[in-house]
Amino acid sequence: MRRSMPALLVALLLALPATAGEVRDFEARLRTAYGDYRAALFATNTGGNTESAAALDRFAKAWSALAALPAPPQYVDDAAFPDTMKKVTAIAENASAQVAGGDLAKAHATLEGIRDEIGDLHLRNDIYSFSDRMNAYHARMEKVLGMDAADTIAVREEAAVLEYLLSDIKAHPPKEADGNFEALLGAVETSVAKLRGAATNNDAAATKAAIGGLKAPYSKFFLTFG
C-alpha cells in the first residue's frame, strides 16, 4: 500500500519555488535601485547639480517602490529591516536637499551612508552580493589611498590584498556583465599591478603615483557594474 506524502511536506515543497522567486525578485529590484544610487554617487562626485538631482530622483523613486513592499523571505526575520529602509530614504532626502543647495561634496559624503546601510543589511542576513564584493575592495582601496608611499613594504602587502579582492570579484561577475566588464575590470587590475610592482621595487615615487592611479579606473568600473 502506497503511503501518501504528508500534507505539510507537500505544502513546503510547493512553497519553495515561490519563496526563491520572491528572494530573487527583491534582490534584482534592489540591484536596479543600487544602479541609480551608483549614478547619484558618481554625479555628486564629478557632475553638476542637474545630473546629481536627476540621478537622486531616479534612486528615490526606485527605493520608494522597494520600501512599499513587504519584507521578502530573506529579510522577514530581520527586526532592523524596516529601519534600514527608512534610513536609506532619509539619507537620500538629505542628499537631495544638499544638491538643491549646491553642496555636491556634502551630498556625496551623505550618500556614502547608503552603501553602509545596504552592506549592513546583507551582512546581518548572510548575503554577499557582487556589490558587497565591490564595496570590500573600495574600503581597502580607501585605506591604501591614505597610506605613506614611502612605506613600500606595507603598501606591497595591501596591494596583495587588493589583488585577492579583485580575484573574488572576477570569480563572481554580475548577471549583466558584458564585454565591457572584462575591460573595466582589467583596468583596475592593471592599476593594482602597477602599485604592487612599484612597492616591490621599493620605489617611493612610483608607489605614490600608483596610489594616485587607483581611484579613476575603480570609479568607472563601479559606475557601470558596482
C-alpha atoms as a PDB file:
ATOM      1  CA  MET A   1       0.000   0.000   0.000  1.00  0.00           C
ATOM      2  CA  ARG A   2       1.458   3.318  -1.096  1.00  0.00           C
ATOM      3  CA  ARG A   3       1.788   5.971   1.560  1.00  0.00           C
ATOM      4  CA  SER A   4       0.589   9.466   0.781  1.00  0.00           C
ATOM      5  CA  MET A   5       3.021  12.311   1.292  1.00  0.00           C
ATOM      6  CA  PRO A   6       2.244  14.333   4.431  1.00  0.00           C
ATOM      7  CA  ALA A   7       0.241  17.436   3.596  1.00  0.00           C
ATOM      8  CA  LEU A   8       2.702  19.713   5.392  1.00  0.00           C
ATOM      9  CA  LEU A   9       5.633  18.393   3.341  1.00  0.00           C
ATOM     10  CA  VAL A  10       3.689  18.871   0.115  1.00  0.00           C
ATOM     11  CA  ALA A  11       2.883  22.440   1.099  1.00  0.00           C
ATOM     12  CA  LEU A  12       6.521  23.146   1.893  1.00  0.00           C
ATOM     13  CA  LEU A  13       7.728  21.730  -1.414  1.00  0.00           C
ATOM     14  CA  LEU A  14       5.199  23.779  -3.332  1.00  0.00           C
ATOM     15  CA  ALA A  15       6.197  26.919  -1.446  1.00  0.00           C
ATOM     16  CA  LEU A  16       9.927  26.610  -2.203  1.00  0.00           C
ATOM     17  CA  PRO A  17       9.807  27.891  -5.819  1.00  0.00           C
ATOM     18  CA  ALA A  18       7.620  30.829  -4.800  1.00  0.00           C
ATOM     19  CA  THR A  19       9.956  31.721  -1.936  1.00  0.00           C
ATOM     20  CA  ALA A  20      13.025  31.515  -4.162  1.00  0.00           C
ATOM     21  CA  GLY A  21      11.267  33.707  -6.705  1.00  0.00           C
ATOM     22  CA  GLU A  22      10.498  36.337  -4.088  1.00  0.00           C
ATOM     23  CA  VAL A  23      14.122  36.365  -2.942  1.00  0.00           C
ATOM     24  CA  ARG A  24      15.462  36.752  -6.487  1.00  0.00           C
ATOM     25  CA  ASP A  25      12.877  39.370  -7.421  1.00  0.00           C
ATOM     26  CA  PHE A  26      13.624  41.594  -4.443  1.00  0.00           C
ATOM     27  CA  GLU A  27      17.399  41.328  -4.869  1.00  0.00           C
ATOM     28  CA  ALA A  28      17.053  42.103  -8.586  1.00  0.00           C
ATOM     29  CA  ARG A  29      14.997  45.202  -7.818  1.00  0.00           C
ATOM     30  CA  LEU A  30      17.463  46.173  -5.115  1.00  0.00           C
ATOM     31  CA  ARG A  31      20.325  45.895  -7.600  1.00  0.00           C
ATOM     32  CA  THR A  32      18.422  48.038 -10.109  1.00  0.00           C
ATOM     33  CA  ALA A  33      17.870  50.709  -7.453  1.00  0.00           C
ATOM     34  CA  TYR A  34      21.524  50.405  -6.477  1.00  0.00           C
ATOM     35  CA  GLY A  35      22.428  51.221 -10.072  1.00  0.00           C
ATOM     36  CA  ASP A  36      20.599  54.541  -9.706  1.00  0.00           C
ATOM     37  CA  TYR A  37      22.406  55.039  -6.406  1.00  0.00           C
ATOM     38  CA  ARG A  38      25.777  54.483  -8.090  1.00  0.00           C
ATOM     39  CA  ALA A  39      24.871  57.072 -10.706  1.00  0.00           C
ATOM     40  CA  ALA A  40      23.948  59.563  -7.969  1.00  0.00           C
ATOM     41  CA  LEU A  41      27.171  58.873  -6.095  1.00  0.00           C
ATOM     42  CA  PHE A  42      29.209  59.352  -9.272  1.00  0.00           C
ATOM     43  CA  ALA A  43      27.337  62.501 -10.335  1.00  0.00           C
ATOM     44  CA  THR A  44      27.768  64.227  -6.980  1.00  0.00           C
ATOM     45  CA  ASN A  45      31.477  63.498  -7.192  1.00  0.00           C
ATOM     46  CA  THR A  46      32.100  64.506 -10.804  1.00  0.00           C
ATOM     47  CA  GLY A  47      28.979  66.008 -12.338  1.00  0.00           C
ATOM     48  CA  GLY A  48      26.807  69.055 -11.965  1.00  0.00           C
ATOM     49  CA  ASN A  49      23.683  69.816  -9.998  1.00  0.00           C
ATOM     50  CA  THR A  50      21.334  68.793 -12.810  1.00  0.00           C
ATOM     51  CA  GLU A  51      22.862  65.331 -13.246  1.00  0.00           C
ATOM     52  CA  SER A  52      23.029  64.795  -9.495  1.00  0.00           C
ATOM     53  CA  ALA A  53      19.424  65.834  -8.931  1.00  0.00           C
ATOM     54  CA  ALA A  54      18.181  63.609 -11.768  1.00  0.00           C
ATOM     55  CA  ALA A  55      20.115  60.579 -10.517  1.00  0.00           C
ATOM     56  CA  LEU A  56      18.888  61.093  -6.968  1.00  0.00           C
ATOM     57  CA  ASP A  57      15.315  61.424  -8.180  1.00  0.00           C
ATOM     58  CA  ARG A  58      15.572  58.106 -10.027  1.00  0.00           C
ATOM     59  CA  PHE A  59      17.018  56.412  -6.972  1.00  0.00           C
ATOM     60  CA  ALA A  60      14.384  57.900  -4.654  1.00  0.00           C
ATOM     61  CA  LYS A  61      11.578  56.568  -6.856  1.00  0.00           C
ATOM     62  CA  ALA A  62      13.142  53.111  -7.149  1.00  0.00           C
ATOM     63  CA  TRP A  63      13.779  52.932  -3.418  1.00  0.00           C
ATOM     64  CA  SER A  64      10.283  54.141  -2.574  1.00  0.00           C
ATOM     65  CA  ALA A  65       8.852  51.281  -4.636  1.00  0.00           C
ATOM     66  CA  LEU A  66      11.074  48.814  -2.771  1.00  0.00           C
ATOM     67  CA  ALA A  67      10.208  50.248   0.629  1.00  0.00           C
ATOM     68  CA  ALA A  68       6.499  49.846  -0.113  1.00  0.00           C
ATOM     69  CA  LEU A  69       6.898  46.072  -0.439  1.00  0.00           C
ATOM     70  CA  PRO A  70       6.585  43.666   2.488  1.00  0.00           C
ATOM     71  CA  ALA A  71       9.846  42.187   3.730  1.00  0.00           C
ATOM     72  CA  PRO A  72      10.890  39.339   1.402  1.00  0.00           C
ATOM     73  CA  PRO A  73      11.755  35.907   2.853  1.00  0.00           C
ATOM     74  CA  GLN A  74      15.465  36.632   3.273  1.00  0.00           C
ATOM     75  CA  TYR A  75      14.729  39.656   5.485  1.00  0.00           C
ATOM     76  CA  VAL A  76      11.460  38.687   7.143  1.00  0.00           C
ATOM     77  CA  ASP A  77      13.211  37.751  10.402  1.00  0.00           C
ATOM     78  CA  ASP A  78      15.436  40.839  10.407  1.00  0.00           C
ATOM     79  CA  ALA A  79      13.961  43.195  13.003  1.00  0.00           C
ATOM     80  CA  ALA A  80      16.133  46.030  11.659  1.00  0.00           C
ATOM     81  CA  PHE A  81      14.877  45.688   8.062  1.00  0.00           C
ATOM     82  CA  PRO A  82      12.168  48.397   8.322  1.00  0.00           C
ATOM     83  CA  ASP A  83      14.638  50.807   9.924  1.00  0.00           C
ATOM     84  CA  THR A  84      17.173  50.185   7.167  1.00  0.00           C
ATOM     85  CA  MET A  85      14.612  51.022   4.503  1.00  0.00           C
ATOM     86  CA  LYS A  86      13.654  54.214   6.367  1.00  0.00           C
ATOM     87  CA  LYS A  87      17.277  55.231   6.948  1.00  0.00           C
ATOM     88  CA  VAL A  88      18.128  54.910   3.262  1.00  0.00           C
ATOM     89  CA  THR A  89      15.084  57.015   2.390  1.00  0.00           C
ATOM     90  CA  ALA A  90      16.162  59.688   4.880  1.00  0.00           C
ATOM     91  CA  ILE A  91      19.742  59.707   3.589  1.00  0.00           C
ATOM     92  CA  ALA A  92      18.545  60.156   0.016  1.00  0.00           C
ATOM     93  CA  GLU A  93      16.257  63.010   1.065  1.00  0.00           C
ATOM     94  CA  ASN A  94      19.104  64.748   2.901  1.00  0.00           C
ATOM     95  CA  ALA A  95      21.394  64.354  -0.094  1.00  0.00           C
ATOM     96  CA  SER A  96      18.713  65.771  -2.409  1.00  0.00           C
ATOM     97  CA  ALA A  97      18.383  68.828  -0.183  1.00  0.00           C
ATOM     98  CA  GLN A  98      22.159  69.286  -0.234  1.00  0.00           C
ATOM     99  CA  VAL A  99      22.229  69.045  -4.025  1.00  0.00           C
ATOM    100  CA  ALA A 100      19.437  71.603  -4.219  1.00  0.00           C
ATOM    101  CA  GLY A 101      21.583  73.858  -2.045  1.00  0.00           C
ATOM    102  CA  GLY A 102      24.526  73.431  -4.393  1.00  0.00           C
ATOM    103  CA  ASP A 103      26.708  71.455  -1.977  1.00  0.00           C
ATOM    104  CA  LEU A 104      27.616  68.428  -4.092  1.00  0.00           C
ATOM    105  CA  ALA A 105      30.595  67.461  -1.938  1.00  0.00           C
ATOM    106  CA  LYS A 106      28.413  67.237   1.150  1.00  0.00           C
ATOM    107  CA  ALA A 107      25.745  65.328  -0.774  1.00  0.00           C
ATOM    108  CA  HIS A 108      28.375  62.847  -1.945  1.00  0.00           C
ATOM    109  CA  ALA A 109      29.583  62.279   1.611  1.00  0.00           C
ATOM    110  CA  THR A 110      25.984  61.860   2.780  1.00  0.00           C
ATOM    111  CA  LEU A 111      25.256  59.286   0.083  1.00  0.00           C
ATOM    112  CA  GLU A 112      28.132  57.094   1.259  1.00  0.00           C
ATOM    113  CA  GLY A 113      25.864  56.160   4.161  1.00  0.00           C
ATOM    114  CA  ILE A 114      23.544  54.269   1.818  1.00  0.00           C
ATOM    115  CA  ARG A 115      26.357  51.925   0.825  1.00  0.00           C
ATOM    116  CA  ASP A 116      26.899  51.174   4.516  1.00  0.00           C
ATOM    117  CA  GLU A 117      23.204  50.603   5.230  1.00  0.00           C
ATOM    118  CA  ILE A 118      22.726  48.140   2.378  1.00  0.00           C
ATOM    119  CA  GLY A 119      26.010  46.426   3.185  1.00  0.00           C
ATOM    120  CA  ASP A 120      24.956  46.012   6.813  1.00  0.00           C
ATOM    121  CA  LEU A 121      21.563  44.682   5.690  1.00  0.00           C
ATOM    122  CA  HIS A 122      23.269  41.964   3.672  1.00  0.00           C
ATOM    123  CA  LEU A 123      25.788  41.220   6.413  1.00  0.00           C
ATOM    124  CA  ARG A 124      23.061  40.729   9.022  1.00  0.00           C
ATOM    125  CA  ASN A 125      21.318  38.252   6.756  1.00  0.00           C
ATOM    126  CA  ASP A 126      24.314  36.268   5.471  1.00  0.00           C
ATOM    127  CA  ILE A 127      24.128  37.684   1.944  1.00  0.00           C
ATOM    128  CA  TYR A 128      27.278  38.520  -0.032  1.00  0.00           C
ATOM    129  CA  SER A 129      26.466  40.033  -3.403  1.00  0.00           C
ATOM    130  CA  PHE A 130      28.600  41.389  -6.234  1.00  0.00           C
ATOM    131  CA  SER A 131      28.109  44.907  -4.873  1.00  0.00           C
ATOM    132  CA  ASP A 132      29.279  43.735  -1.454  1.00  0.00           C
ATOM    133  CA  ARG A 133      32.458  42.425  -3.071  1.00  0.00           C
ATOM    134  CA  MET A 134      32.958  45.755  -4.823  1.00  0.00           C
ATOM    135  CA  ASN A 135      32.437  47.574  -1.540  1.00  0.00           C
ATOM    136  CA  ALA A 136      35.006  45.363   0.179  1.00  0.00           C
ATOM    137  CA  TYR A 137      37.526  46.371  -2.481  1.00  0.00           C
ATOM    138  CA  HIS A 138      36.532  50.034  -2.178  1.00  0.00           C
ATOM    139  CA  ALA A 139      37.032  50.035   1.590  1.00  0.00           C
ATOM    140  CA  ARG A 140      40.511  48.535   1.241  1.00  0.00           C
ATOM    141  CA  MET A 141      41.385  50.897  -1.599  1.00  0.00           C
ATOM    142  CA  GLU A 142      40.427  53.874   0.560  1.00  0.00           C
ATOM    143  CA  LYS A 143      42.860  52.595   3.179  1.00  0.00           C
ATOM    144  CA  VAL A 144      45.642  52.442   0.586  1.00  0.00           C
ATOM    145  CA  LEU A 145      44.865  55.959  -0.646  1.00  0.00           C
ATOM    146  CA  GLY A 146      45.744  57.258   2.804  1.00  0.00           C
ATOM    147  CA  MET A 147      48.988  55.305   3.162  1.00  0.00           C
ATOM    148  CA  ASP A 148      52.524  56.687   3.220  1.00  0.00           C
ATOM    149  CA  ALA A 149      54.053  55.771  -0.143  1.00  0.00           C
ATOM    150  CA  ALA A 150      57.480  55.610   1.472  1.00  0.00           C
ATOM    151  CA  ASP A 151      56.367  52.585   3.498  1.00  0.00           C
ATOM    152  CA  THR A 152      56.629  50.323   0.483  1.00  0.00           C
ATOM    153  CA  ILE A 153      56.561  47.091   2.481  1.00  0.00           C
ATOM    154  CA  ALA A 154      53.151  47.922   3.968  1.00  0.00           C
ATOM    155  CA  VAL A 155      51.874  49.139   0.597  1.00  0.00           C
ATOM    156  CA  ARG A 156      53.019  45.926  -1.083  1.00  0.00           C
ATOM    157  CA  GLU A 157      51.083  43.899   1.476  1.00  0.00           C
ATOM    158  CA  GLU A 158      47.946  45.959   0.868  1.00  0.00           C
ATOM    159  CA  ALA A 159      48.376  45.607  -2.895  1.00  0.00           C
ATOM    160  CA  ALA A 160      48.292  41.838  -2.409  1.00  0.00           C
ATOM    161  CA  VAL A 161      45.007  42.198  -0.520  1.00  0.00           C
ATOM    162  CA  LEU A 162      43.574  44.311  -3.353  1.00  0.00           C
ATOM    163  CA  GLU A 163      44.628  41.640  -5.853  1.00  0.00           C
ATOM    164  CA  TYR A 164      42.859  38.983  -3.804  1.00  0.00           C
ATOM    165  CA  LEU A 165      39.671  41.045  -3.583  1.00  0.00           C
ATOM    166  CA  LEU A 166      39.759  41.623  -7.343  1.00  0.00           C
ATOM    167  CA  SER A 167      40.132  37.881  -7.928  1.00  0.00           C
ATOM    168  CA  ASP A 168      36.962  37.356  -5.882  1.00  0.00           C
ATOM    169  CA  ILE A 169      35.156  39.999  -7.941  1.00  0.00           C
ATOM    170  CA  LYS A 170      36.343  38.369 -11.165  1.00  0.00           C
ATOM    171  CA  ALA A 171      35.175  34.937  -9.997  1.00  0.00           C
ATOM    172  CA  HIS A 172      31.657  36.221  -9.247  1.00  0.00           C
ATOM    173  CA  PRO A 173      30.624  38.570 -12.094  1.00  0.00           C
ATOM    174  CA  PRO A 174      27.160  40.141 -12.065  1.00  0.00           C
ATOM    175  CA  LYS A 175      24.481  38.732 -14.351  1.00  0.00           C
ATOM    176  CA  GLU A 176      24.599  41.841 -16.526  1.00  0.00           C
ATOM    177  CA  ALA A 177      28.346  41.505 -17.170  1.00  0.00           C
ATOM    178  CA  ASP A 178      29.191  42.016 -20.834  1.00  0.00           C
ATOM    179  CA  GLY A 179      32.339  42.543 -22.893  1.00  0.00           C
ATOM    180  CA  ASN A 180      32.908  45.853 -21.177  1.00  0.00           C
ATOM    181  CA  PHE A 181      33.140  44.086 -17.821  1.00  0.00           C
ATOM    182  CA  GLU A 182      36.478  42.463 -18.622  1.00  0.00           C
ATOM    183  CA  ALA A 183      37.889  45.716 -19.999  1.00  0.00           C
ATOM    184  CA  LEU A 184      36.909  47.805 -16.982  1.00  0.00           C
ATOM    185  CA  LEU A 185      37.994  45.138 -14.510  1.00  0.00           C
ATOM    186  CA  GLY A 186      41.257  44.778 -16.417  1.00  0.00           C
ATOM    187  CA  ALA A 187      41.969  48.483 -15.974  1.00  0.00           C
ATOM    188  CA  VAL A 188      41.529  48.123 -12.211  1.00  0.00           C
ATOM    189  CA  GLU A 189      43.756  45.037 -12.180  1.00  0.00           C
ATOM    190  CA  THR A 190      46.426  46.944 -14.100  1.00  0.00           C
ATOM    191  CA  SER A 191      46.347  49.809 -11.596  1.00  0.00           C
ATOM    192  CA  VAL A 192      46.887  47.374  -8.721  1.00  0.00           C
ATOM    193  CA  ALA A 193      49.649  45.533 -10.586  1.00  0.00           C
ATOM    194  CA  LYS A 194      51.451  48.855 -11.056  1.00  0.00           C
ATOM    195  CA  LEU A 195      51.101  49.538  -7.356  1.00  0.00           C
ATOM    196  CA  ARG A 196      52.476  46.178  -6.342  1.00  0.00           C
ATOM    197  CA  GLY A 197      55.332  46.442  -8.826  1.00  0.00           C
ATOM    198  CA  ALA A 198      56.351  49.897  -7.616  1.00  0.00           C
ATOM    199  CA  ALA A 199      56.188  48.857  -3.977  1.00  0.00           C
ATOM    200  CA  THR A 200      58.104  45.644  -4.655  1.00  0.00           C
ATOM    201  CA  ASN A 201      60.848  47.713  -6.305  1.00  0.00           C
ATOM    202  CA  ASN A 202      60.918  49.934  -3.207  1.00  0.00           C
ATOM    203  CA  ASP A 203      60.310  52.973  -5.436  1.00  0.00           C
ATOM    204  CA  ALA A 204      58.518  55.521  -3.247  1.00  0.00           C
ATOM    205  CA  ALA A 205      57.904  57.988  -6.086  1.00  0.00           C
ATOM    206  CA  ALA A 206      56.422  55.338  -8.367  1.00  0.00           C
ATOM    207  CA  THR A 207      54.411  53.953  -5.453  1.00  0.00           C
ATOM    208  CA  LYS A 208      52.935  57.381  -4.776  1.00  0.00           C
ATOM    209  CA  ALA A 209      51.981  57.743  -8.437  1.00  0.00           C
ATOM    210  CA  ALA A 210      50.457  54.261  -8.454  1.00  0.00           C
ATOM    211  CA  ILE A 211      48.405  55.027  -5.348  1.00  0.00           C
ATOM    212  CA  GLY A 212      47.086  58.102  -7.130  1.00  0.00           C
ATOM    213  CA  GLY A 213      46.155  55.939 -10.099  1.00  0.00           C
ATOM    214  CA  LEU A 214      43.883  53.554  -8.215  1.00  0.00           C
ATOM    215  CA  LYS A 215      40.715  55.601  -7.942  1.00  0.00           C
ATOM    216  CA  ALA A 216      39.894  56.536 -11.557  1.00  0.00           C
ATOM    217  CA  PRO A 217      39.661  53.016 -13.033  1.00  0.00           C
ATOM    218  CA  TYR A 218      37.755  51.764  -9.994  1.00  0.00           C
ATOM    219  CA  SER A 219      35.245  54.625 -10.261  1.00  0.00           C
ATOM    220  CA  LYS A 220      34.493  53.771 -13.900  1.00  0.00           C
ATOM    221  CA  PHE A 221      34.111  50.094 -13.036  1.00  0.00           C
ATOM    222  CA  PHE A 222      31.889  50.886 -10.044  1.00  0.00           C
ATOM    223  CA  LEU A 223      29.633  53.220 -12.023  1.00  0.00           C
ATOM    224  CA  THR A 224      28.907  50.557 -14.618  1.00  0.00           C
ATOM    225  CA  PHE A 225      28.816  47.355 -12.587  1.00  0.00           C
ATOM    226  CA  GLY A 226      29.332  48.098  -8.860  1.00  0.00           C
END
